[in-house]
Amino acid sequence: MSEALTSLQERYESLKEQGSLDEAAQALFAVLFAEAERLQASNLTLRRTILKSSSKESRMSTKLREALYE
């Protein structure tokens, strides 16, 4: 979990302990945090996929370059 999301979750827990949030707000925050975590995991997966595809492209161009030099 990112630092920003962790910080927000800590603030949420603090407000929850103080009793500043009603049940509807608590449910909404729980859904929002779950969605944020899901999106963060999806973002990480996409970043890995992009890195893998870009490394394959560079490897292909290296192979082509070597073939042209021969």
PDB file of N, CA and C in Angstrom:
ATOM      1  N   MET A   1       0.843  -1.175   0.000  1.00  0.00           N
ATOM      2  CA  MET A   1       0.000   0.000   0.000  1.00  0.00           C
ATOM      3  C   MET A   1       0.892   1.243   0.000  1.00  0.00           C
ATOM      4  N   SER A   2       0.491   2.248  -0.744  1.00  0.00           N
ATOM      5  CA  SER A   2       1.314   3.445  -0.838  1.00  0.00           C
ATOM      6  C   SER A   2       1.254   4.253   0.462  1.00  0.00           C
ATOM      7  N   GLU A   3       2.211   5.135   0.604  1.00  0.00           N
ATOM      8  CA  GLU A   3       2.271   5.960   1.815  1.00  0.00           C
ATOM      9  C   GLU A   3       1.051   6.861   1.936  1.00  0.00           C
ATOM     10  N   ALA A   4       0.610   7.421   0.813  1.00  0.00           N
ATOM     11  CA  ALA A   4      -0.550   8.315   0.839  1.00  0.00           C
ATOM     12  C   ALA A   4      -1.801   7.565   1.274  1.00  0.00           C
ATOM     13  N   LEU A   5      -1.988   6.378   0.733  1.00  0.00           N
ATOM     14  CA  LEU A   5      -3.161   5.583   1.087  1.00  0.00           C
ATOM     15  C   LEU A   5      -3.089   5.132   2.546  1.00  0.00           C
ATOM     16  N   THR A   6      -1.918   4.783   2.999  1.00  0.00           N
ATOM     17  CA  THR A   6      -1.737   4.392   4.401  1.00  0.00           C
ATOM     18  C   THR A   6      -2.051   5.560   5.332  1.00  0.00           C
ATOM     19  N   SER A   7      -1.580   6.740   4.954  1.00  0.00           N
ATOM     20  CA  SER A   7      -1.841   7.934   5.754  1.00  0.00           C
ATOM     21  C   SER A   7      -3.343   8.230   5.829  1.00  0.00           C
ATOM     22  N   LEU A   8      -4.023   8.137   4.705  1.00  0.00           N
ATOM     23  CA  LEU A   8      -5.468   8.373   4.690  1.00  0.00           C
ATOM     24  C   LEU A   8      -6.211   7.338   5.533  1.00  0.00           C
ATOM     25  N   GLN A   9      -5.769   6.105   5.459  1.00  0.00           N
ATOM     26  CA  GLN A   9      -6.417   5.057   6.238  1.00  0.00           C
ATOM     27  C   GLN A   9      -6.208   5.284   7.736  1.00  0.00           C
ATOM     28  N   GLU A  10      -5.036   5.766   8.122  1.00  0.00           N
ATOM     29  CA  GLU A  10      -4.773   6.071   9.526  1.00  0.00           C
ATOM     30  C   GLU A  10      -5.669   7.210  10.010  1.00  0.00           C
ATOM     31  N   ARG A  11      -5.842   8.229   9.166  1.00  0.00           N
ATOM     32  CA  ARG A  11      -6.731   9.346   9.527  1.00  0.00           C
ATOM     33  C   ARG A  11      -8.170   8.859   9.657  1.00  0.00           C
ATOM     34  N   TYR A  12      -8.579   7.956   8.760  1.00  0.00           N
ATOM     35  CA  TYR A  12      -9.923   7.387   8.815  1.00  0.00           C
ATOM     36  C   TYR A  12     -10.122   6.615  10.115  1.00  0.00           C
ATOM     37  N   GLU A  13      -9.152   5.793  10.485  1.00  0.00           N
ATOM     38  CA  GLU A  13      -9.239   5.017  11.723  1.00  0.00           C
ATOM     39  C   GLU A  13      -9.341   5.941  12.931  1.00  0.00           C
ATOM     40  N   SER A  14      -8.599   7.046  12.908  1.00  0.00           N
ATOM     41  CA  SER A  14      -8.639   8.014  13.997  1.00  0.00           C
ATOM     42  C   SER A  14     -10.032   8.627  14.128  1.00  0.00           C
ATOM     43  N   LEU A  15     -10.601   9.031  13.004  1.00  0.00           N
ATOM     44  CA  LEU A  15     -11.951   9.609  13.032  1.00  0.00           C
ATOM     45  C   LEU A  15     -12.984   8.576  13.480  1.00  0.00           C
ATOM     46  N   LYS A  16     -12.784   7.348  13.051  1.00  0.00           N
ATOM     47  CA  LYS A  16     -13.706   6.279  13.419  1.00  0.00           C
ATOM     48  C   LYS A  16     -13.678   6.034  14.932  1.00  0.00           C
ATOM     49  N   GLU A  17     -12.465   6.045  15.514  1.00  0.00           N
ATOM     50  CA  GLU A  17     -12.331   5.837  16.952  1.00  0.00           C
ATOM     51  C   GLU A  17     -12.941   6.979  17.757  1.00  0.00           C
ATOM     52  N   GLN A  18     -12.869   8.195  17.212  1.00  0.00           N
ATOM     53  CA  GLN A  18     -13.437   9.351  17.896  1.00  0.00           C
ATOM     54  C   GLN A  18     -14.958   9.364  17.820  1.00  0.00           C
ATOM     55  N   GLY A  19     -15.511   8.552  16.928  1.00  0.00           N
ATOM     56  CA  GLY A  19     -16.964   8.529  16.767  1.00  0.00           C
ATOM     57  C   GLY A  19     -17.477   9.663  15.906  1.00  0.00           C
ATOM     58  N   SER A  20     -16.605  10.262  15.099  1.00  0.00           N
ATOM     59  CA  SER A  20     -16.993  11.387  14.255  1.00  0.00           C
ATOM     60  C   SER A  20     -17.742  10.953  12.995  1.00  0.00           C
ATOM     61  N   LEU A  21     -17.701   9.656  12.686  1.00  0.00           N
ATOM     62  CA  LEU A  21     -18.317   9.170  11.457  1.00  0.00           C
ATOM     63  C   LEU A  21     -19.510   8.280  11.769  1.00  0.00           C
ATOM     64  N   ASP A  22     -20.608   8.494  11.024  1.00  0.00           N
ATOM     65  CA  ASP A  22     -21.744   7.597  11.198  1.00  0.00           C
ATOM     66  C   ASP A  22     -21.522   6.318  10.385  1.00  0.00           C
ATOM     67  N   GLU A  23     -22.419   5.382  10.501  1.00  0.00           N
ATOM     68  CA  GLU A  23     -22.236   4.079   9.863  1.00  0.00           C
ATOM     69  C   GLU A  23     -22.209   4.176   8.342  1.00  0.00           C
ATOM     70  N   ALA A  24     -23.016   5.055   7.770  1.00  0.00           N
ATOM     71  CA  ALA A  24     -23.042   5.210   6.314  1.00  0.00           C
ATOM     72  C   ALA A  24     -21.693   5.724   5.805  1.00  0.00           C
ATOM     73  N   ALA A  25     -21.108   6.667   6.519  1.00  0.00           N
ATOM     74  CA  ALA A  25     -19.806   7.210   6.126  1.00  0.00           C
ATOM     75  C   ALA A  25     -18.725   6.145   6.267  1.00  0.00           C
ATOM     76  N   GLN A  26     -18.800   5.348   7.313  1.00  0.00           N
ATOM     77  CA  GLN A  26     -17.823   4.277   7.512  1.00  0.00           C
ATOM     78  C   GLN A  26     -17.906   3.255   6.391  1.00  0.00           C
ATOM     79  N   ALA A  27     -19.121   2.911   5.984  1.00  0.00           N
ATOM     80  CA  ALA A  27     -19.308   1.951   4.889  1.00  0.00           C
ATOM     81  C   ALA A  27     -18.761   2.518   3.588  1.00  0.00           C
ATOM     82  N   LEU A  28     -19.023   3.796   3.352  1.00  0.00           N
ATOM     83  CA  LEU A  28     -18.531   4.444   2.135  1.00  0.00           C
ATOM     84  C   LEU A  28     -17.001   4.458   2.115  1.00  0.00           C
ATOM     85  N   PHE A  29     -16.389   4.811   3.227  1.00  0.00           N
ATOM     86  CA  PHE A  29     -14.923   4.824   3.290  1.00  0.00           C
ATOM     87  C   PHE A  29     -14.344   3.436   3.087  1.00  0.00           C
ATOM     88  N   ALA A  30     -14.996   2.427   3.638  1.00  0.00           N
ATOM     89  CA  ALA A  30     -14.512   1.054   3.465  1.00  0.00           C
ATOM     90  C   ALA A  30     -14.528   0.672   1.986  1.00  0.00           C
ATOM     91  N   VAL A  31     -15.591   1.029   1.289  1.00  0.00           N
ATOM     92  CA  VAL A  31     -15.693   0.738  -0.151  1.00  0.00           C
ATOM     93  C   VAL A  31     -14.629   1.512  -0.924  1.00  0.00           C
ATOM     94  N   LEU A  32     -14.435   2.779  -0.575  1.00  0.00           N
ATOM     95  CA  LEU A  32     -13.441   3.604  -1.268  1.00  0.00           C
ATOM     96  C   LEU A  32     -12.025   3.078  -1.061  1.00  0.00           C
ATOM     97  N   PHE A  33     -11.697   2.660   0.146  1.00  0.00           N
ATOM     98  CA  PHE A  33     -10.359   2.112   0.402  1.00  0.00           C
ATOM     99  C   PHE A  33     -10.157   0.795  -0.332  1.00  0.00           C
ATOM    100  N   ALA A  34     -11.189  -0.033  -0.383  1.00  0.00           N
ATOM    101  CA  ALA A  34     -11.081  -1.298  -1.112  1.00  0.00           C
ATOM    102  C   ALA A  34     -10.855  -1.034  -2.605  1.00  0.00           C
ATOM    103  N   GLU A  35     -11.571  -0.068  -3.156  1.00  0.00           N
ATOM    104  CA  GLU A  35     -11.404   0.277  -4.570  1.00  0.00           C
ATOM    105  C   GLU A  35     -10.022   0.868  -4.830  1.00  0.00           C
ATOM    106  N   ALA A  36      -9.534   1.699  -3.917  1.00  0.00           N
ATOM    107  CA  ALA A  36      -8.203   2.287  -4.078  1.00  0.00           C
ATOM    108  C   ALA A  36      -7.130   1.197  -4.060  1.00  0.00           C
ATOM    109  N   GLU A  37      -7.274   0.223  -3.179  1.00  0.00           N
ATOM    110  CA  GLU A  37      -6.309  -0.872  -3.130  1.00  0.00           C
ATOM    111  C   GLU A  37      -6.365  -1.712  -4.406  1.00  0.00           C
ATOM    112  N   ARG A  38      -7.580  -1.950  -4.918  1.00  0.00           N
ATOM    113  CA  ARG A  38      -7.731  -2.712  -6.156  1.00  0.00           C
ATOM    114  C   ARG A  38      -7.088  -1.976  -7.329  1.00  0.00           C
ATOM    115  N   LEU A  39      -7.318  -0.673  -7.397  1.00  0.00           N
ATOM    116  CA  LEU A  39      -6.728   0.130  -8.474  1.00  0.00           C
ATOM    117  C   LEU A  39      -5.214   0.190  -8.364  1.00  0.00           C
ATOM    118  N   GLN A  40      -4.712   0.239  -7.157  1.00  0.00           N
ATOM    119  CA  GLN A  40      -3.267   0.271  -6.961  1.00  0.00           C
ATOM    120  C   GLN A  40      -2.640  -1.043  -7.437  1.00  0.00           C
ATOM    121  N   ALA A  41      -3.290  -2.158  -7.130  1.00  0.00           N
ATOM    122  CA  ALA A  41      -2.787  -3.460  -7.582  1.00  0.00           C
ATOM    123  C   ALA A  41      -2.847  -3.555  -9.106  1.00  0.00           C
ATOM    124  N   SER A  42      -3.927  -3.043  -9.689  1.00  0.00           N
ATOM    125  CA  SER A  42      -4.065  -3.045 -11.142  1.00  0.00           C
ATOM    126  C   SER A  42      -2.986  -2.182 -11.788  1.00  0.00           C
ATOM    127  N   ASN A  43      -2.701  -1.044 -11.198  1.00  0.00           N
ATOM    128  CA  ASN A  43      -1.669  -0.149 -11.697  1.00  0.00           C
ATOM    129  C   ASN A  43      -0.300  -0.828 -11.676  1.00  0.00           C
ATOM    130  N   LEU A  44      -0.011  -1.540 -10.594  1.00  0.00           N
ATOM    131  CA  LEU A  44       1.257  -2.253 -10.482  1.00  0.00           C
ATOM    132  C   LEU A  44       1.370  -3.327 -11.564  1.00  0.00           C
ATOM    133  N   THR A  45       0.285  -4.052 -11.792  1.00  0.00           N
ATOM    134  CA  THR A  45       0.274  -5.079 -12.832  1.00  0.00           C
ATOM    135  C   THR A  45       0.504  -4.470 -14.208  1.00  0.00           C
ATOM    136  N   LEU A  46      -0.154  -3.359 -14.482  1.00  0.00           N
ATOM    137  CA  LEU A  46       0.030  -2.685 -15.771  1.00  0.00           C
ATOM    138  C   LEU A  46       1.459  -2.184 -15.947  1.00  0.00           C
ATOM    139  N   ARG A  47       2.044  -1.644 -14.891  1.00  0.00           N
ATOM    140  CA  ARG A  47       3.431  -1.169 -14.972  1.00  0.00           C
ATOM    141  C   ARG A  47       4.389  -2.313 -15.292  1.00  0.00           C
ATOM    142  N   ARG A  48       4.174  -3.454 -14.631  1.00  0.00           N
ATOM    143  CA  ARG A  48       5.027  -4.612 -14.906  1.00  0.00           C
ATOM    144  C   ARG A  48       4.876  -5.075 -16.348  1.00  0.00           C
ATOM    145  N   THR A  49       3.643  -5.098 -16.843  1.00  0.00           N
ATOM    146  CA  THR A  49       3.390  -5.513 -18.218  1.00  0.00           C
ATOM    147  C   THR A  49       4.075  -4.583 -19.202  1.00  0.00           C
ATOM    148  N   ILE A  50       3.993  -3.298 -18.955  1.00  0.00           N
ATOM    149  CA  ILE A  50       4.628  -2.316 -19.836  1.00  0.00           C
ATOM    150  C   ILE A  50       6.147  -2.486 -19.816  1.00  0.00           C
ATOM    151  N   LEU A  51       6.710  -2.687 -18.633  1.00  0.00           N
ATOM    152  CA  LEU A  51       8.163  -2.879 -18.539  1.00  0.00           C
ATOM    153  C   LEU A  51       8.603  -4.129 -19.284  1.00  0.00           C
ATOM    154  N   LYS A  52       7.833  -5.203 -19.162  1.00  0.00           N
ATOM    155  CA  LYS A  52       8.182  -6.438 -19.867  1.00  0.00           C
ATOM    156  C   LYS A  52       8.104  -6.249 -21.376  1.00  0.00           C
ATOM    157  N   SER A  53       7.051  -5.583 -21.844  1.00  0.00           N
ATOM    158  CA  SER A  53       6.904  -5.407 -23.285  1.00  0.00           C
ATOM    159  C   SER A  53       7.972  -4.463 -23.839  1.00  0.00           C
ATOM    160  N   SER A  54       8.338  -3.438 -23.077  1.00  0.00           N
ATOM    161  CA  SER A  54       9.363  -2.516 -23.570  1.00  0.00           C
ATOM    162  C   SER A  54      10.735  -3.181 -23.576  1.00  0.00           C
ATOM    163  N   SER A  55      10.987  -4.073 -22.631  1.00  0.00           N
ATOM    164  CA  SER A  55      12.281  -4.751 -22.629  1.00  0.00           C
ATOM    165  C   SER A  55      12.377  -5.736 -23.795  1.00  0.00           C
ATOM    166  N   LYS A  56      11.262  -6.345 -24.172  1.00  0.00           N
ATOM    167  CA  LYS A  56      11.264  -7.249 -25.316  1.00  0.00           C
ATOM    168  C   LYS A  56      11.526  -6.476 -26.610  1.00  0.00           C
ATOM    169  N   GLU A  57      10.925  -5.290 -26.701  1.00  0.00           N
ATOM    170  CA  GLU A  57      11.131  -4.478 -27.898  1.00  0.00           C
ATOM    171  C   GLU A  57      12.597  -4.087 -28.042  1.00  0.00           C
ATOM    172  N   SER A  58      13.217  -3.692 -26.948  1.00  0.00           N
ATOM    173  CA  SER A  58      14.612  -3.269 -27.042  1.00  0.00           C
ATOM    174  C   SER A  58      15.504  -4.463 -27.397  1.00  0.00           C
ATOM    175  N   ARG A  59      15.159  -5.641 -26.896  1.00  0.00           N
ATOM    176  CA  ARG A  59      15.926  -6.824 -27.208  1.00  0.00           C
ATOM    177  C   ARG A  59      15.787  -7.163 -28.703  1.00  0.00           C
ATOM    178  N   MET A  60      14.597  -6.990 -29.221  1.00  0.00           N
ATOM    179  CA  MET A  60      14.380  -7.266 -30.639  1.00  0.00           C
ATOM    180  C   MET A  60      15.197  -6.305 -31.499  1.00  0.00           C
ATOM    181  N   SER A  61      15.220  -5.044 -31.134  1.00  0.00           N
ATOM    182  CA  SER A  61      15.967  -4.088 -31.938  1.00  0.00           C
ATOM    183  C   SER A  61      17.473  -4.386 -31.854  1.00  0.00           C
ATOM    184  N   THR A  62      17.933  -4.866 -30.720  1.00  0.00           N
ATOM    185  CA  THR A  62      19.343  -5.228 -30.586  1.00  0.00           C
ATOM    186  C   THR A  62      19.672  -6.397 -31.501  1.00  0.00           C
ATOM    187  N   LYS A  63      18.781  -7.372 -31.532  1.00  0.00           N
ATOM    188  CA  LYS A  63      18.988  -8.520 -32.418  1.00  0.00           C
ATOM    189  C   LYS A  63      19.009  -8.094 -33.876  1.00  0.00           C
ATOM    190  N   LEU A  64      18.113  -7.222 -34.233  1.00  0.00           N
ATOM    191  CA  LEU A  64      18.078  -6.724 -35.604  1.00  0.00           C
ATOM    192  C   LEU A  64      19.357  -5.944 -35.932  1.00  0.00           C
ATOM    193  N   ARG A  65      19.788  -5.130 -34.991  1.00  0.00           N
ATOM    194  CA  ARG A  65      20.996  -4.338 -35.195  1.00  0.00           C
ATOM    195  C   ARG A  65      22.204  -5.254 -35.398  1.00  0.00           C
ATOM    196  N   GLU A  66      22.292  -6.289 -34.550  1.00  0.00           N
ATOM    197  CA  GLU A  66      23.395  -7.223 -34.697  1.00  0.00           C
ATOM    198  C   GLU A  66      23.339  -7.951 -36.028  1.00  0.00           C
ATOM    199  N   ALA A  67      22.154  -8.306 -36.490  1.00  0.00           N
ATOM    200  CA  ALA A  67      22.001  -8.992 -37.770  1.00  0.00           C
ATOM    201  C   ALA A  67      22.424  -8.070 -38.905  1.00  0.00           C
ATOM    202  N   LEU A  68      22.110  -6.795 -38.789  1.00  0.00           N
ATOM    203  CA  LEU A  68      22.484  -5.859 -39.850  1.00  0.00           C
ATOM    204  C   LEU A  68      23.994  -5.654 -39.911  1.00  0.00           C
ATOM    205  N   TYR A  69      24.660  -5.666 -38.757  1.00  0.00           N
ATOM    206  CA  TYR A  69      26.093  -5.479 -38.733  1.00  0.00           C
ATOM    207  C   TYR A  69      26.854  -6.657 -39.330  1.00  0.00           C
ATOM    208  N   GLU A  70      26.238  -7.864 -39.291  1.00  0.00           N
ATOM    209  CA  GLU A  70      26.915  -9.064 -39.797  1.00  0.00           C
ATOM    210  C   GLU A  70      26.873  -9.134 -41.255  1.00  0.00           C
TER     211      GLU A  70
END
